[in-house]
Structures are given as structure tokens and as C-alpha cells.
Amino acid sequence: MIIVKTTKEFNQARKALDGTIGFVPTMGALHEGHISLIKKARTDNDYLIVSIFVNPTQFLEGEDLDDYPHKDEADIKICELSKVDILFVPTIDQMYKNDELSIAAPVIRGYVLEGAKRPGHFDGMLQIVMKLLNLVAANKAYFGKKDAQQLSLIMQMVRNYYIQTEIIPCDIIRDERGLALSSRNMHMNPEEKSRALCLSRALRTATDMVTSGNLNSLSIKEQMLGILQDADRVEYVAIVNREFQETEEIEIGNTIVLVAAWVGKPRLIDNVWI
């Protein structure tokens, strides 16, 4: 595995790869969710590139940029064991210059749910993802479904700007009790992790209601909110179609049920695709 820290070093290493390339962009503190993306990319492609970069432009004032977990040595070991070919770990000054061009999230889909709670977050996220996709020029890039709105906007950006990389959505990975894996989970103590299971329980309830024939969004959300009382604060429960438009009724194959809530220090998100 080659570890590179500058775009010049990366370009030199990238030119040596002759074959299909899979790319997994991360912010580090790798867990089984990241590893599942890396394994799929390794299986699907001749070469595998992983990036680790905690992107400052997607954090808003007062968010946890300074507290975002770092596990550099462990991350490198995981990448080595996963047979990553190039690990790209740039600094901020490698990825951003003064007086840059910017990219803006769409004015409707980019400012609902996560975009409404974190205005400007998606602008920064799309900016760094575009930079990385253009730099890596992979055949396929792998993203988890846990950040459902992020995934949808990245796929839209690829379509709108004719980026040649295929985006591969990957299923959410959960622990043995059902908690969606996240780097921020390490900020919760055991009691908080137990309470955080209310998110996945609420989503399972939504799925069970749909399976039983109840497609009414309002009644499903009411049941979910009752279960989510174990959270410290619920930011939203939403039922939307794949275009992130609120719907009054579940449409099988075109619906995402999403929840965002605070449990202890971290803000958690989770969802289920129906």
C-alpha cells in the first residue's frame, strides 16, 4: 500500500494503475461500515483507493469538527489489511486554496431535512466530493446509504456535471443490537448506546407497519415518535420519496423513512429504504 499526502504524489501513484479503480472516500475513524465499502470496492475492481480527509467546509459553526474522532494508526492498519493500493491522506492546504470556486447544493433538495438543520453543510460536502471524484477519476465510488440525503445529492451532482464515476450505494451496517455504525458512536457511553437503539427500533416499527399494510405516513410517524422518546431530543422523523419530497403515503420501492436525534453528545441519523 502506498500512502500519499499531496496531490502531486497522488497523481504520480494514480498514473501507475492500469485497470479498473474503486474509490472509497472517508473521514477516517474507520469502522465496520467503512470496511464493508472497502471490501466491496476491492472485490469489484482491479485497484482500490481510499481517502481520509476530515473536510472542514461541511462543518457548521458550533459543530464537532475539533472533536471529530481520529484513529490514524488503526485506519492505516485497516487499509493495509484490506489490500488498499493507494491511501490518500491530504492536509487542508492540499485540498483548498484561497478564493476558490464554489459549488452550491440544489435550492430545494439541498435545504430540506439535513439541509434545513445544517444550512450550508451540503455545499461543503459536494465541494470536497467533486474535488475527490475529479482527482481520483475512479470507475466506481462507494457510499453508504446511512447518509441518504448526501448520497442522493452526490448522485445528482454526478448526473448534472457529467462526472464519469459510477456511484455505488451500499447498505447500512449495524452492530449486533441494530445500532447503525458511525464514527460518532464512540462518543456515547453504554447507557446512551442502549437508548440510541430507539432509532433502529422506530425504523423497524415503520417497516413492520408497512409490511402489515399500513401505508399512511402520519400514523407511521406517530408510532415512531412514541418509540423515540428514549432519545434526548428528536430533530425530525420524515417519510419521503427518492426525490426527498414528503409523502402522505408509502410508495413501495420509492420511499425512505428517516430519523435524526440527539443521544448524549452525538447527533445520530438513521433510515430505512422501502
C-alpha atoms as a PDB file:
ATOM      1  CA  MET A   1       0.000   0.000   0.000  1.00  0.00           C
ATOM      2  CA  ILE A   2       1.233   3.477  -0.907  1.00  0.00           C
ATOM      3  CA  ILE A   3       0.382   6.352   1.457  1.00  0.00           C
ATOM      4  CA  VAL A   4       0.401   9.774  -0.209  1.00  0.00           C
ATOM      5  CA  LYS A   5      -0.239  13.182   1.320  1.00  0.00           C
ATOM      6  CA  THR A   6      -0.061  15.611  -1.600  1.00  0.00           C
ATOM      7  CA  THR A   7      -1.992  15.849  -4.842  1.00  0.00           C
ATOM      8  CA  LYS A   8       1.314  15.674  -6.754  1.00  0.00           C
ATOM      9  CA  GLU A   9       2.240  12.404  -5.055  1.00  0.00           C
ATOM     10  CA  PHE A  10      -1.264  11.105  -5.633  1.00  0.00           C
ATOM     11  CA  ASN A  11      -1.200  11.884  -9.347  1.00  0.00           C
ATOM     12  CA  GLN A  12       2.105  10.051  -9.721  1.00  0.00           C
ATOM     13  CA  ALA A  13       0.796   6.990  -7.920  1.00  0.00           C
ATOM     14  CA  ARG A  14      -2.521   7.091  -9.786  1.00  0.00           C
ATOM     15  CA  LYS A  15      -0.812   7.057 -13.199  1.00  0.00           C
ATOM     16  CA  ALA A  16       0.772   3.697 -12.366  1.00  0.00           C
ATOM     17  CA  LEU A  17      -2.623   1.984 -12.053  1.00  0.00           C
ATOM     18  CA  ASP A  18      -3.696   0.268 -15.251  1.00  0.00           C
ATOM     19  CA  GLY A  19      -7.140  -1.251 -14.732  1.00  0.00           C
ATOM     20  CA  THR A  20     -10.486  -0.541 -13.101  1.00  0.00           C
ATOM     21  CA  ILE A  21     -10.373   1.600  -9.975  1.00  0.00           C
ATOM     22  CA  GLY A  22     -12.706   1.600  -6.988  1.00  0.00           C
ATOM     23  CA  PHE A  23     -12.723   4.588  -4.633  1.00  0.00           C
ATOM     24  CA  VAL A  24     -13.935   4.918  -1.036  1.00  0.00           C
ATOM     25  CA  PRO A  25     -13.784   8.472   0.368  1.00  0.00           C
ATOM     26  CA  THR A  26     -13.873   8.637   4.178  1.00  0.00           C
ATOM     27  CA  MET A  27     -13.262  10.993   7.077  1.00  0.00           C
ATOM     28  CA  GLY A  28     -11.334   8.339   8.976  1.00  0.00           C
ATOM     29  CA  ALA A  29     -12.081   6.639  12.310  1.00  0.00           C
ATOM     30  CA  LEU A  30     -12.844   3.610  10.160  1.00  0.00           C
ATOM     31  CA  HIS A  31     -15.365   1.044  11.420  1.00  0.00           C
ATOM     32  CA  GLU A  32     -17.140  -1.995  10.004  1.00  0.00           C
ATOM     33  CA  GLY A  33     -19.372   0.241   7.904  1.00  0.00           C
ATOM     34  CA  HIS A  34     -16.362   1.692   6.111  1.00  0.00           C
ATOM     35  CA  ILE A  35     -14.787  -1.742   5.868  1.00  0.00           C
ATOM     36  CA  SER A  36     -17.881  -3.075   4.097  1.00  0.00           C
ATOM     37  CA  LEU A  37     -17.476  -0.353   1.448  1.00  0.00           C
ATOM     38  CA  ILE A  38     -13.774  -1.086   1.125  1.00  0.00           C
ATOM     39  CA  LYS A  39     -14.378  -4.828   0.759  1.00  0.00           C
ATOM     40  CA  LYS A  40     -16.976  -4.317  -1.963  1.00  0.00           C
ATOM     41  CA  ALA A  41     -14.714  -1.897  -3.832  1.00  0.00           C
ATOM     42  CA  ARG A  42     -11.825  -4.372  -3.525  1.00  0.00           C
ATOM     43  CA  THR A  43     -13.982  -7.169  -4.952  1.00  0.00           C
ATOM     44  CA  ASP A  44     -15.409  -5.126  -7.821  1.00  0.00           C
ATOM     45  CA  ASN A  45     -12.206  -3.535  -9.146  1.00  0.00           C
ATOM     46  CA  ASP A  46      -8.585  -4.179 -10.105  1.00  0.00           C
ATOM     47  CA  TYR A  47      -7.324  -1.394  -7.826  1.00  0.00           C
ATOM     48  CA  LEU A  48      -8.603   0.284  -4.664  1.00  0.00           C
ATOM     49  CA  ILE A  49      -8.084   3.857  -3.493  1.00  0.00           C
ATOM     50  CA  VAL A  50      -9.216   5.134  -0.096  1.00  0.00           C
ATOM     51  CA  SER A  51      -9.052   8.740   1.068  1.00  0.00           C
ATOM     52  CA  ILE A  52      -9.121  10.024   4.642  1.00  0.00           C
ATOM     53  CA  PHE A  53      -9.885  13.710   4.979  1.00  0.00           C
ATOM     54  CA  VAL A  54     -11.964  15.473   7.633  1.00  0.00           C
ATOM     55  CA  ASN A  55     -13.477  18.157   5.459  1.00  0.00           C
ATOM     56  CA  PRO A  56     -13.822  21.472   7.341  1.00  0.00           C
ATOM     57  CA  THR A  57     -16.205  23.126   4.869  1.00  0.00           C
ATOM     58  CA  GLN A  58     -19.061  20.750   5.686  1.00  0.00           C
ATOM     59  CA  PHE A  59     -18.981  21.511   9.415  1.00  0.00           C
ATOM     60  CA  LEU A  60     -21.033  24.474  10.596  1.00  0.00           C
ATOM     61  CA  GLU A  61     -20.077  26.828  13.408  1.00  0.00           C
ATOM     62  CA  GLY A  62     -20.514  25.074  16.739  1.00  0.00           C
ATOM     63  CA  GLU A  63     -20.413  21.565  15.258  1.00  0.00           C
ATOM     64  CA  ASP A  64     -17.936  18.865  16.242  1.00  0.00           C
ATOM     65  CA  LEU A  65     -15.076  19.476  13.796  1.00  0.00           C
ATOM     66  CA  ASP A  66     -12.485  19.748  16.584  1.00  0.00           C
ATOM     67  CA  ASP A  67     -13.907  16.695  18.364  1.00  0.00           C
ATOM     68  CA  TYR A  68     -14.296  14.522  15.282  1.00  0.00           C
ATOM     69  CA  PRO A  69     -12.601  11.196  16.139  1.00  0.00           C
ATOM     70  CA  HIS A  70      -9.169  10.387  14.733  1.00  0.00           C
ATOM     71  CA  LYS A  71      -7.615   6.900  14.726  1.00  0.00           C
ATOM     72  CA  ASP A  72      -4.745   7.349  12.290  1.00  0.00           C
ATOM     73  CA  GLU A  73      -2.661   4.269  13.126  1.00  0.00           C
ATOM     74  CA  ALA A  74      -5.699   1.990  13.281  1.00  0.00           C
ATOM     75  CA  ASP A  75      -7.017   3.392   9.999  1.00  0.00           C
ATOM     76  CA  ILE A  76      -3.720   2.704   8.233  1.00  0.00           C
ATOM     77  CA  LYS A  77      -3.672  -0.862   9.571  1.00  0.00           C
ATOM     78  CA  ILE A  78      -7.252  -1.457   8.399  1.00  0.00           C
ATOM     79  CA  CYS A  79      -6.364  -0.213   4.929  1.00  0.00           C
ATOM     80  CA  GLU A  80      -3.262  -2.400   4.803  1.00  0.00           C
ATOM     81  CA  LEU A  81      -5.251  -5.496   5.809  1.00  0.00           C
ATOM     82  CA  SER A  82      -7.947  -4.591   3.262  1.00  0.00           C
ATOM     83  CA  LYS A  83      -5.341  -4.512   0.484  1.00  0.00           C
ATOM     84  CA  VAL A  84      -5.819  -0.860  -0.386  1.00  0.00           C
ATOM     85  CA  ASP A  85      -3.468   0.177  -3.193  1.00  0.00           C
ATOM     86  CA  ILE A  86      -3.335   3.929  -2.502  1.00  0.00           C
ATOM     87  CA  LEU A  87      -4.284   5.650   0.767  1.00  0.00           C
ATOM     88  CA  PHE A  88      -4.662   9.392   0.207  1.00  0.00           C
ATOM     89  CA  VAL A  89      -4.429  11.493   3.385  1.00  0.00           C
ATOM     90  CA  PRO A  90      -4.200  15.145   2.291  1.00  0.00           C
ATOM     91  CA  THR A  91      -3.951  18.189   4.501  1.00  0.00           C
ATOM     92  CA  ILE A  92      -6.409  21.068   4.257  1.00  0.00           C
ATOM     93  CA  ASP A  93      -3.992  23.212   2.251  1.00  0.00           C
ATOM     94  CA  GLN A  94      -3.706  20.427  -0.333  1.00  0.00           C
ATOM     95  CA  MET A  95      -7.454  20.379  -0.915  1.00  0.00           C
ATOM     96  CA  TYR A  96      -8.324  24.066  -0.594  1.00  0.00           C
ATOM     97  CA  LYS A  97      -6.770  27.273  -1.921  1.00  0.00           C
ATOM     98  CA  ASN A  98      -7.615  30.935  -1.468  1.00  0.00           C
ATOM     99  CA  ASP A  99     -10.566  32.455  -3.352  1.00  0.00           C
ATOM    100  CA  GLU A 100     -11.876  29.172  -4.705  1.00  0.00           C
ATOM    101  CA  LEU A 101     -14.758  28.455  -6.999  1.00  0.00           C
ATOM    102  CA  SER A 102     -17.649  27.022  -5.050  1.00  0.00           C
ATOM    103  CA  ILE A 103     -20.475  24.594  -5.627  1.00  0.00           C
ATOM    104  CA  ALA A 104     -23.946  25.009  -4.144  1.00  0.00           C
ATOM    105  CA  ALA A 105     -26.460  22.342  -3.208  1.00  0.00           C
ATOM    106  CA  PRO A 106     -29.780  22.468  -5.101  1.00  0.00           C
ATOM    107  CA  VAL A 107     -32.092  25.074  -3.628  1.00  0.00           C
ATOM    108  CA  ILE A 108     -34.908  22.633  -2.858  1.00  0.00           C
ATOM    109  CA  ARG A 109     -33.468  19.165  -2.238  1.00  0.00           C
ATOM    110  CA  GLY A 110     -30.385  20.594  -0.583  1.00  0.00           C
ATOM    111  CA  TYR A 111     -32.309  22.600   2.027  1.00  0.00           C
ATOM    112  CA  VAL A 112     -34.774  20.105   3.459  1.00  0.00           C
ATOM    113  CA  LEU A 113     -34.165  17.748   6.408  1.00  0.00           C
ATOM    114  CA  GLU A 114     -30.365  17.710   6.927  1.00  0.00           C
ATOM    115  CA  GLY A 115     -30.046  20.789   4.739  1.00  0.00           C
ATOM    116  CA  ALA A 116     -32.642  22.670   6.790  1.00  0.00           C
ATOM    117  CA  LYS A 117     -30.979  21.745  10.079  1.00  0.00           C
ATOM    118  CA  ARG A 118     -27.449  22.330   8.766  1.00  0.00           C
ATOM    119  CA  PRO A 119     -27.670  25.075   6.096  1.00  0.00           C
ATOM    120  CA  GLY A 120     -24.504  25.139   4.022  1.00  0.00           C
ATOM    121  CA  HIS A 121     -23.417  21.654   5.068  1.00  0.00           C
ATOM    122  CA  PHE A 122     -24.203  20.132   1.691  1.00  0.00           C
ATOM    123  CA  ASP A 123     -22.357  22.910  -0.156  1.00  0.00           C
ATOM    124  CA  GLY A 124     -19.131  21.898   1.592  1.00  0.00           C
ATOM    125  CA  MET A 125     -19.812  18.202   1.227  1.00  0.00           C
ATOM    126  CA  LEU A 126     -20.445  18.424  -2.508  1.00  0.00           C
ATOM    127  CA  GLN A 127     -17.381  20.633  -2.981  1.00  0.00           C
ATOM    128  CA  ILE A 128     -14.985  18.092  -1.473  1.00  0.00           C
ATOM    129  CA  VAL A 129     -16.652  15.099  -3.138  1.00  0.00           C
ATOM    130  CA  MET A 130     -16.389  16.782  -6.549  1.00  0.00           C
ATOM    131  CA  LYS A 131     -12.707  17.524  -5.922  1.00  0.00           C
ATOM    132  CA  LEU A 132     -12.015  13.931  -4.934  1.00  0.00           C
ATOM    133  CA  LEU A 133     -14.012  12.377  -7.768  1.00  0.00           C
ATOM    134  CA  ASN A 134     -12.210  14.557 -10.312  1.00  0.00           C
ATOM    135  CA  LEU A 135      -8.803  13.875  -8.772  1.00  0.00           C
ATOM    136  CA  VAL A 136      -9.202  10.108  -8.417  1.00  0.00           C
ATOM    137  CA  ALA A 137     -11.096   9.548 -11.689  1.00  0.00           C
ATOM    138  CA  ALA A 138     -12.267   6.154 -10.448  1.00  0.00           C
ATOM    139  CA  ASN A 139     -14.569   3.845 -12.351  1.00  0.00           C
ATOM    140  CA  LYS A 140     -16.744   3.407  -9.264  1.00  0.00           C
ATOM    141  CA  ALA A 141     -17.072   5.230  -5.936  1.00  0.00           C
ATOM    142  CA  TYR A 142     -18.783   3.676  -2.921  1.00  0.00           C
ATOM    143  CA  PHE A 143     -21.042   5.491  -0.444  1.00  0.00           C
ATOM    144  CA  GLY A 144     -23.226   4.205   2.390  1.00  0.00           C
ATOM    145  CA  LYS A 145     -26.986   4.630   2.495  1.00  0.00           C
ATOM    146  CA  LYS A 146     -26.917   5.884   6.099  1.00  0.00           C
ATOM    147  CA  ASP A 147     -26.285   9.404   4.801  1.00  0.00           C
ATOM    148  CA  ALA A 148     -29.232   9.040   2.440  1.00  0.00           C
ATOM    149  CA  GLN A 149     -29.653  12.687   1.507  1.00  0.00           C
ATOM    150  CA  GLN A 150     -25.924  13.099   0.982  1.00  0.00           C
ATOM    151  CA  LEU A 151     -25.914  10.045  -1.281  1.00  0.00           C
ATOM    152  CA  SER A 152     -28.850  11.384  -3.296  1.00  0.00           C
ATOM    153  CA  LEU A 153     -27.180  14.772  -3.812  1.00  0.00           C
ATOM    154  CA  ILE A 154     -23.874  13.186  -4.822  1.00  0.00           C
ATOM    155  CA  MET A 155     -25.687  11.094  -7.422  1.00  0.00           C
ATOM    156  CA  GLN A 156     -27.438  14.246  -8.695  1.00  0.00           C
ATOM    157  CA  MET A 157     -24.117  16.106  -8.888  1.00  0.00           C
ATOM    158  CA  VAL A 158     -22.577  13.278 -10.916  1.00  0.00           C
ATOM    159  CA  ARG A 159     -25.515  13.448 -13.343  1.00  0.00           C
ATOM    160  CA  ASN A 160     -25.638  17.228 -13.544  1.00  0.00           C
ATOM    161  CA  TYR A 161     -21.900  17.693 -14.103  1.00  0.00           C
ATOM    162  CA  TYR A 162     -21.352  14.618 -16.299  1.00  0.00           C
ATOM    163  CA  ILE A 163     -18.801  13.087 -13.942  1.00  0.00           C
ATOM    164  CA  GLN A 164     -17.772   9.709 -15.321  1.00  0.00           C
ATOM    165  CA  THR A 165     -17.524   7.852 -11.998  1.00  0.00           C
ATOM    166  CA  GLU A 166     -20.387   5.453 -11.202  1.00  0.00           C
ATOM    167  CA  ILE A 167     -21.769   5.916  -7.676  1.00  0.00           C
ATOM    168  CA  ILE A 168     -22.441   2.628  -5.872  1.00  0.00           C
ATOM    169  CA  PRO A 169     -24.905   2.870  -2.927  1.00  0.00           C
ATOM    170  CA  CYS A 170     -24.163   0.386  -0.133  1.00  0.00           C
ATOM    171  CA  ASP A 171     -26.388  -0.892   2.668  1.00  0.00           C
ATOM    172  CA  ILE A 172     -26.188   0.383   6.242  1.00  0.00           C
ATOM    173  CA  ILE A 173     -24.059  -1.761   8.555  1.00  0.00           C
ATOM    174  CA  ARG A 174     -25.357  -2.244  12.109  1.00  0.00           C
ATOM    175  CA  ASP A 175     -23.974  -3.737  15.294  1.00  0.00           C
ATOM    176  CA  GLU A 176     -25.405  -6.919  16.793  1.00  0.00           C
ATOM    177  CA  ARG A 177     -28.186  -4.954  18.528  1.00  0.00           C
ATOM    178  CA  GLY A 178     -29.173  -2.935  15.463  1.00  0.00           C
ATOM    179  CA  LEU A 179     -27.401   0.396  16.061  1.00  0.00           C
ATOM    180  CA  ALA A 180     -26.227   1.921  12.780  1.00  0.00           C
ATOM    181  CA  LEU A 181     -22.442   2.149  12.858  1.00  0.00           C
ATOM    182  CA  SER A 182     -20.962   5.649  12.948  1.00  0.00           C
ATOM    183  CA  SER A 183     -17.623   7.137  13.924  1.00  0.00           C
ATOM    184  CA  ARG A 184     -19.534   9.356  16.358  1.00  0.00           C
ATOM    185  CA  ASN A 185     -20.836   6.341  18.299  1.00  0.00           C
ATOM    186  CA  MET A 186     -17.578   6.307  20.289  1.00  0.00           C
ATOM    187  CA  HIS A 187     -18.761   9.495  21.999  1.00  0.00           C
ATOM    188  CA  MET A 188     -21.618   7.574  23.691  1.00  0.00           C
ATOM    189  CA  ASN A 189     -21.347   5.615  26.928  1.00  0.00           C
ATOM    190  CA  PRO A 190     -23.015   2.175  27.260  1.00  0.00           C
ATOM    191  CA  GLU A 191     -26.238   3.623  28.668  1.00  0.00           C
ATOM    192  CA  GLU A 192     -26.503   6.104  25.816  1.00  0.00           C
ATOM    193  CA  LYS A 193     -25.808   3.405  23.240  1.00  0.00           C
ATOM    194  CA  SER A 194     -28.680   1.394  24.702  1.00  0.00           C
ATOM    195  CA  ARG A 195     -31.008   4.381  24.446  1.00  0.00           C
ATOM    196  CA  ALA A 196     -29.785   5.065  20.901  1.00  0.00           C
ATOM    197  CA  LEU A 197     -31.307   1.739  19.848  1.00  0.00           C
ATOM    198  CA  CYS A 198     -34.647   3.563  19.796  1.00  0.00           C
ATOM    199  CA  LEU A 199     -33.711   4.845  16.317  1.00  0.00           C
ATOM    200  CA  SER A 200     -33.439   1.411  14.762  1.00  0.00           C
ATOM    201  CA  ARG A 201     -36.475   0.180  16.752  1.00  0.00           C
ATOM    202  CA  ALA A 202     -38.543   3.044  15.369  1.00  0.00           C
ATOM    203  CA  LEU A 203     -37.443   2.216  11.827  1.00  0.00           C
ATOM    204  CA  ARG A 204     -38.214  -1.468  12.317  1.00  0.00           C
ATOM    205  CA  THR A 205     -41.669  -0.489  13.543  1.00  0.00           C
ATOM    206  CA  ALA A 206     -42.174   1.569  10.383  1.00  0.00           C
ATOM    207  CA  THR A 207     -41.137  -1.402   8.257  1.00  0.00           C
ATOM    208  CA  ASP A 208     -43.444  -3.748  10.178  1.00  0.00           C
ATOM    209  CA  MET A 209     -46.385  -1.376   9.747  1.00  0.00           C
ATOM    210  CA  VAL A 210     -45.788  -1.202   6.006  1.00  0.00           C
ATOM    211  CA  THR A 211     -45.481  -4.986   5.821  1.00  0.00           C
ATOM    212  CA  SER A 212     -48.844  -5.220   7.624  1.00  0.00           C
ATOM    213  CA  GLY A 213     -50.434  -2.989   5.002  1.00  0.00           C
ATOM    214  CA  ASN A 214     -50.383   0.394   6.766  1.00  0.00           C
ATOM    215  CA  LEU A 215     -49.031   2.875   4.217  1.00  0.00           C
ATOM    216  CA  ASN A 216     -50.187   6.064   5.972  1.00  0.00           C
ATOM    217  CA  SER A 217     -47.179   8.281   6.665  1.00  0.00           C
ATOM    218  CA  LEU A 218     -48.794  10.214   9.529  1.00  0.00           C
ATOM    219  CA  SER A 219     -49.741   7.129  11.547  1.00  0.00           C
ATOM    220  CA  ILE A 220     -46.303   5.616  10.982  1.00  0.00           C
ATOM    221  CA  LYS A 221     -44.546   8.785  12.155  1.00  0.00           C
ATOM    222  CA  GLU A 222     -46.752   8.926  15.272  1.00  0.00           C
ATOM    223  CA  GLN A 223     -45.736   5.396  16.231  1.00  0.00           C
ATOM    224  CA  MET A 224     -42.095   6.180  15.589  1.00  0.00           C
ATOM    225  CA  LEU A 225     -42.153   9.313  17.744  1.00  0.00           C
ATOM    226  CA  GLY A 226     -43.503   7.298  20.643  1.00  0.00           C
ATOM    227  CA  ILE A 227     -40.546   4.916  20.428  1.00  0.00           C
ATOM    228  CA  LEU A 228     -38.053   7.761  20.021  1.00  0.00           C
ATOM    229  CA  GLN A 229     -38.826   9.127  23.491  1.00  0.00           C
ATOM    230  CA  ASP A 230     -35.665   7.371  24.687  1.00  0.00           C
ATOM    231  CA  ALA A 231     -33.620   9.931  22.725  1.00  0.00           C
ATOM    232  CA  ASP A 232     -32.628  13.194  24.378  1.00  0.00           C
ATOM    233  CA  ARG A 233     -34.076  15.203  21.510  1.00  0.00           C
ATOM    234  CA  VAL A 234     -35.645  14.278  18.194  1.00  0.00           C
ATOM    235  CA  GLU A 235     -34.838  16.647  15.333  1.00  0.00           C
ATOM    236  CA  TYR A 236     -37.047  15.049  12.726  1.00  0.00           C
ATOM    237  CA  VAL A 237     -38.894  11.975  11.560  1.00  0.00           C
ATOM    238  CA  ALA A 238     -39.579  12.126   7.829  1.00  0.00           C
ATOM    239  CA  ILE A 239     -41.079   9.926   5.166  1.00  0.00           C
ATOM    240  CA  VAL A 240     -40.041  10.993   1.686  1.00  0.00           C
ATOM    241  CA  ASN A 241     -39.775   9.668  -1.836  1.00  0.00           C
ATOM    242  CA  ARG A 242     -36.426   9.228  -3.572  1.00  0.00           C
ATOM    243  CA  GLU A 243     -36.566  12.903  -4.597  1.00  0.00           C
ATOM    244  CA  PHE A 244     -36.810  13.837  -0.896  1.00  0.00           C
ATOM    245  CA  GLN A 245     -40.355  15.129  -1.187  1.00  0.00           C
ATOM    246  CA  GLU A 246     -42.601  14.478   1.827  1.00  0.00           C
ATOM    247  CA  THR A 247     -45.305  11.942   1.015  1.00  0.00           C
ATOM    248  CA  GLU A 248     -48.644  11.221   2.667  1.00  0.00           C
ATOM    249  CA  GLU A 249     -48.491   7.556   1.771  1.00  0.00           C
ATOM    250  CA  ILE A 250     -45.700   4.998   1.480  1.00  0.00           C
ATOM    251  CA  GLU A 251     -44.861   4.023  -2.092  1.00  0.00           C
ATOM    252  CA  ILE A 252     -43.111   0.663  -2.108  1.00  0.00           C
ATOM    253  CA  GLY A 253     -39.785   0.923  -3.916  1.00  0.00           C
ATOM    254  CA  ASN A 254     -39.726   4.729  -3.807  1.00  0.00           C
ATOM    255  CA  THR A 255     -39.749   5.666  -0.107  1.00  0.00           C
ATOM    256  CA  ILE A 256     -37.129   6.468   2.524  1.00  0.00           C
ATOM    257  CA  VAL A 257     -38.016   6.746   6.230  1.00  0.00           C
ATOM    258  CA  LEU A 258     -35.503   8.910   8.069  1.00  0.00           C
ATOM    259  CA  VAL A 259     -34.818   9.977  11.624  1.00  0.00           C
ATOM    260  CA  ALA A 260     -32.350  12.367  13.274  1.00  0.00           C
ATOM    261  CA  ALA A 261     -31.987  12.587  17.048  1.00  0.00           C
ATOM    262  CA  TRP A 262     -29.544  13.513  19.800  1.00  0.00           C
ATOM    263  CA  VAL A 263     -28.471  10.851  22.279  1.00  0.00           C
ATOM    264  CA  GLY A 264     -25.836  12.089  24.684  1.00  0.00           C
ATOM    265  CA  LYS A 265     -23.210  14.153  22.886  1.00  0.00           C
ATOM    266  CA  PRO A 266     -23.618  12.947  19.277  1.00  0.00           C
ATOM    267  CA  ARG A 267     -26.341  13.725  16.794  1.00  0.00           C
ATOM    268  CA  LEU A 268     -27.383  10.450  15.175  1.00  0.00           C
ATOM    269  CA  ILE A 269     -29.099   9.761  11.857  1.00  0.00           C
ATOM    270  CA  ASP A 270     -30.594   6.562  10.539  1.00  0.00           C
ATOM    271  CA  ASN A 271     -33.010   5.456   7.832  1.00  0.00           C
ATOM    272  CA  VAL A 272     -34.620   2.587   6.036  1.00  0.00           C
ATOM    273  CA  TRP A 273     -35.272   2.366   2.291  1.00  0.00           C
ATOM    274  CA  ILE A 274     -38.672   0.863   1.477  1.00  0.00           C
END
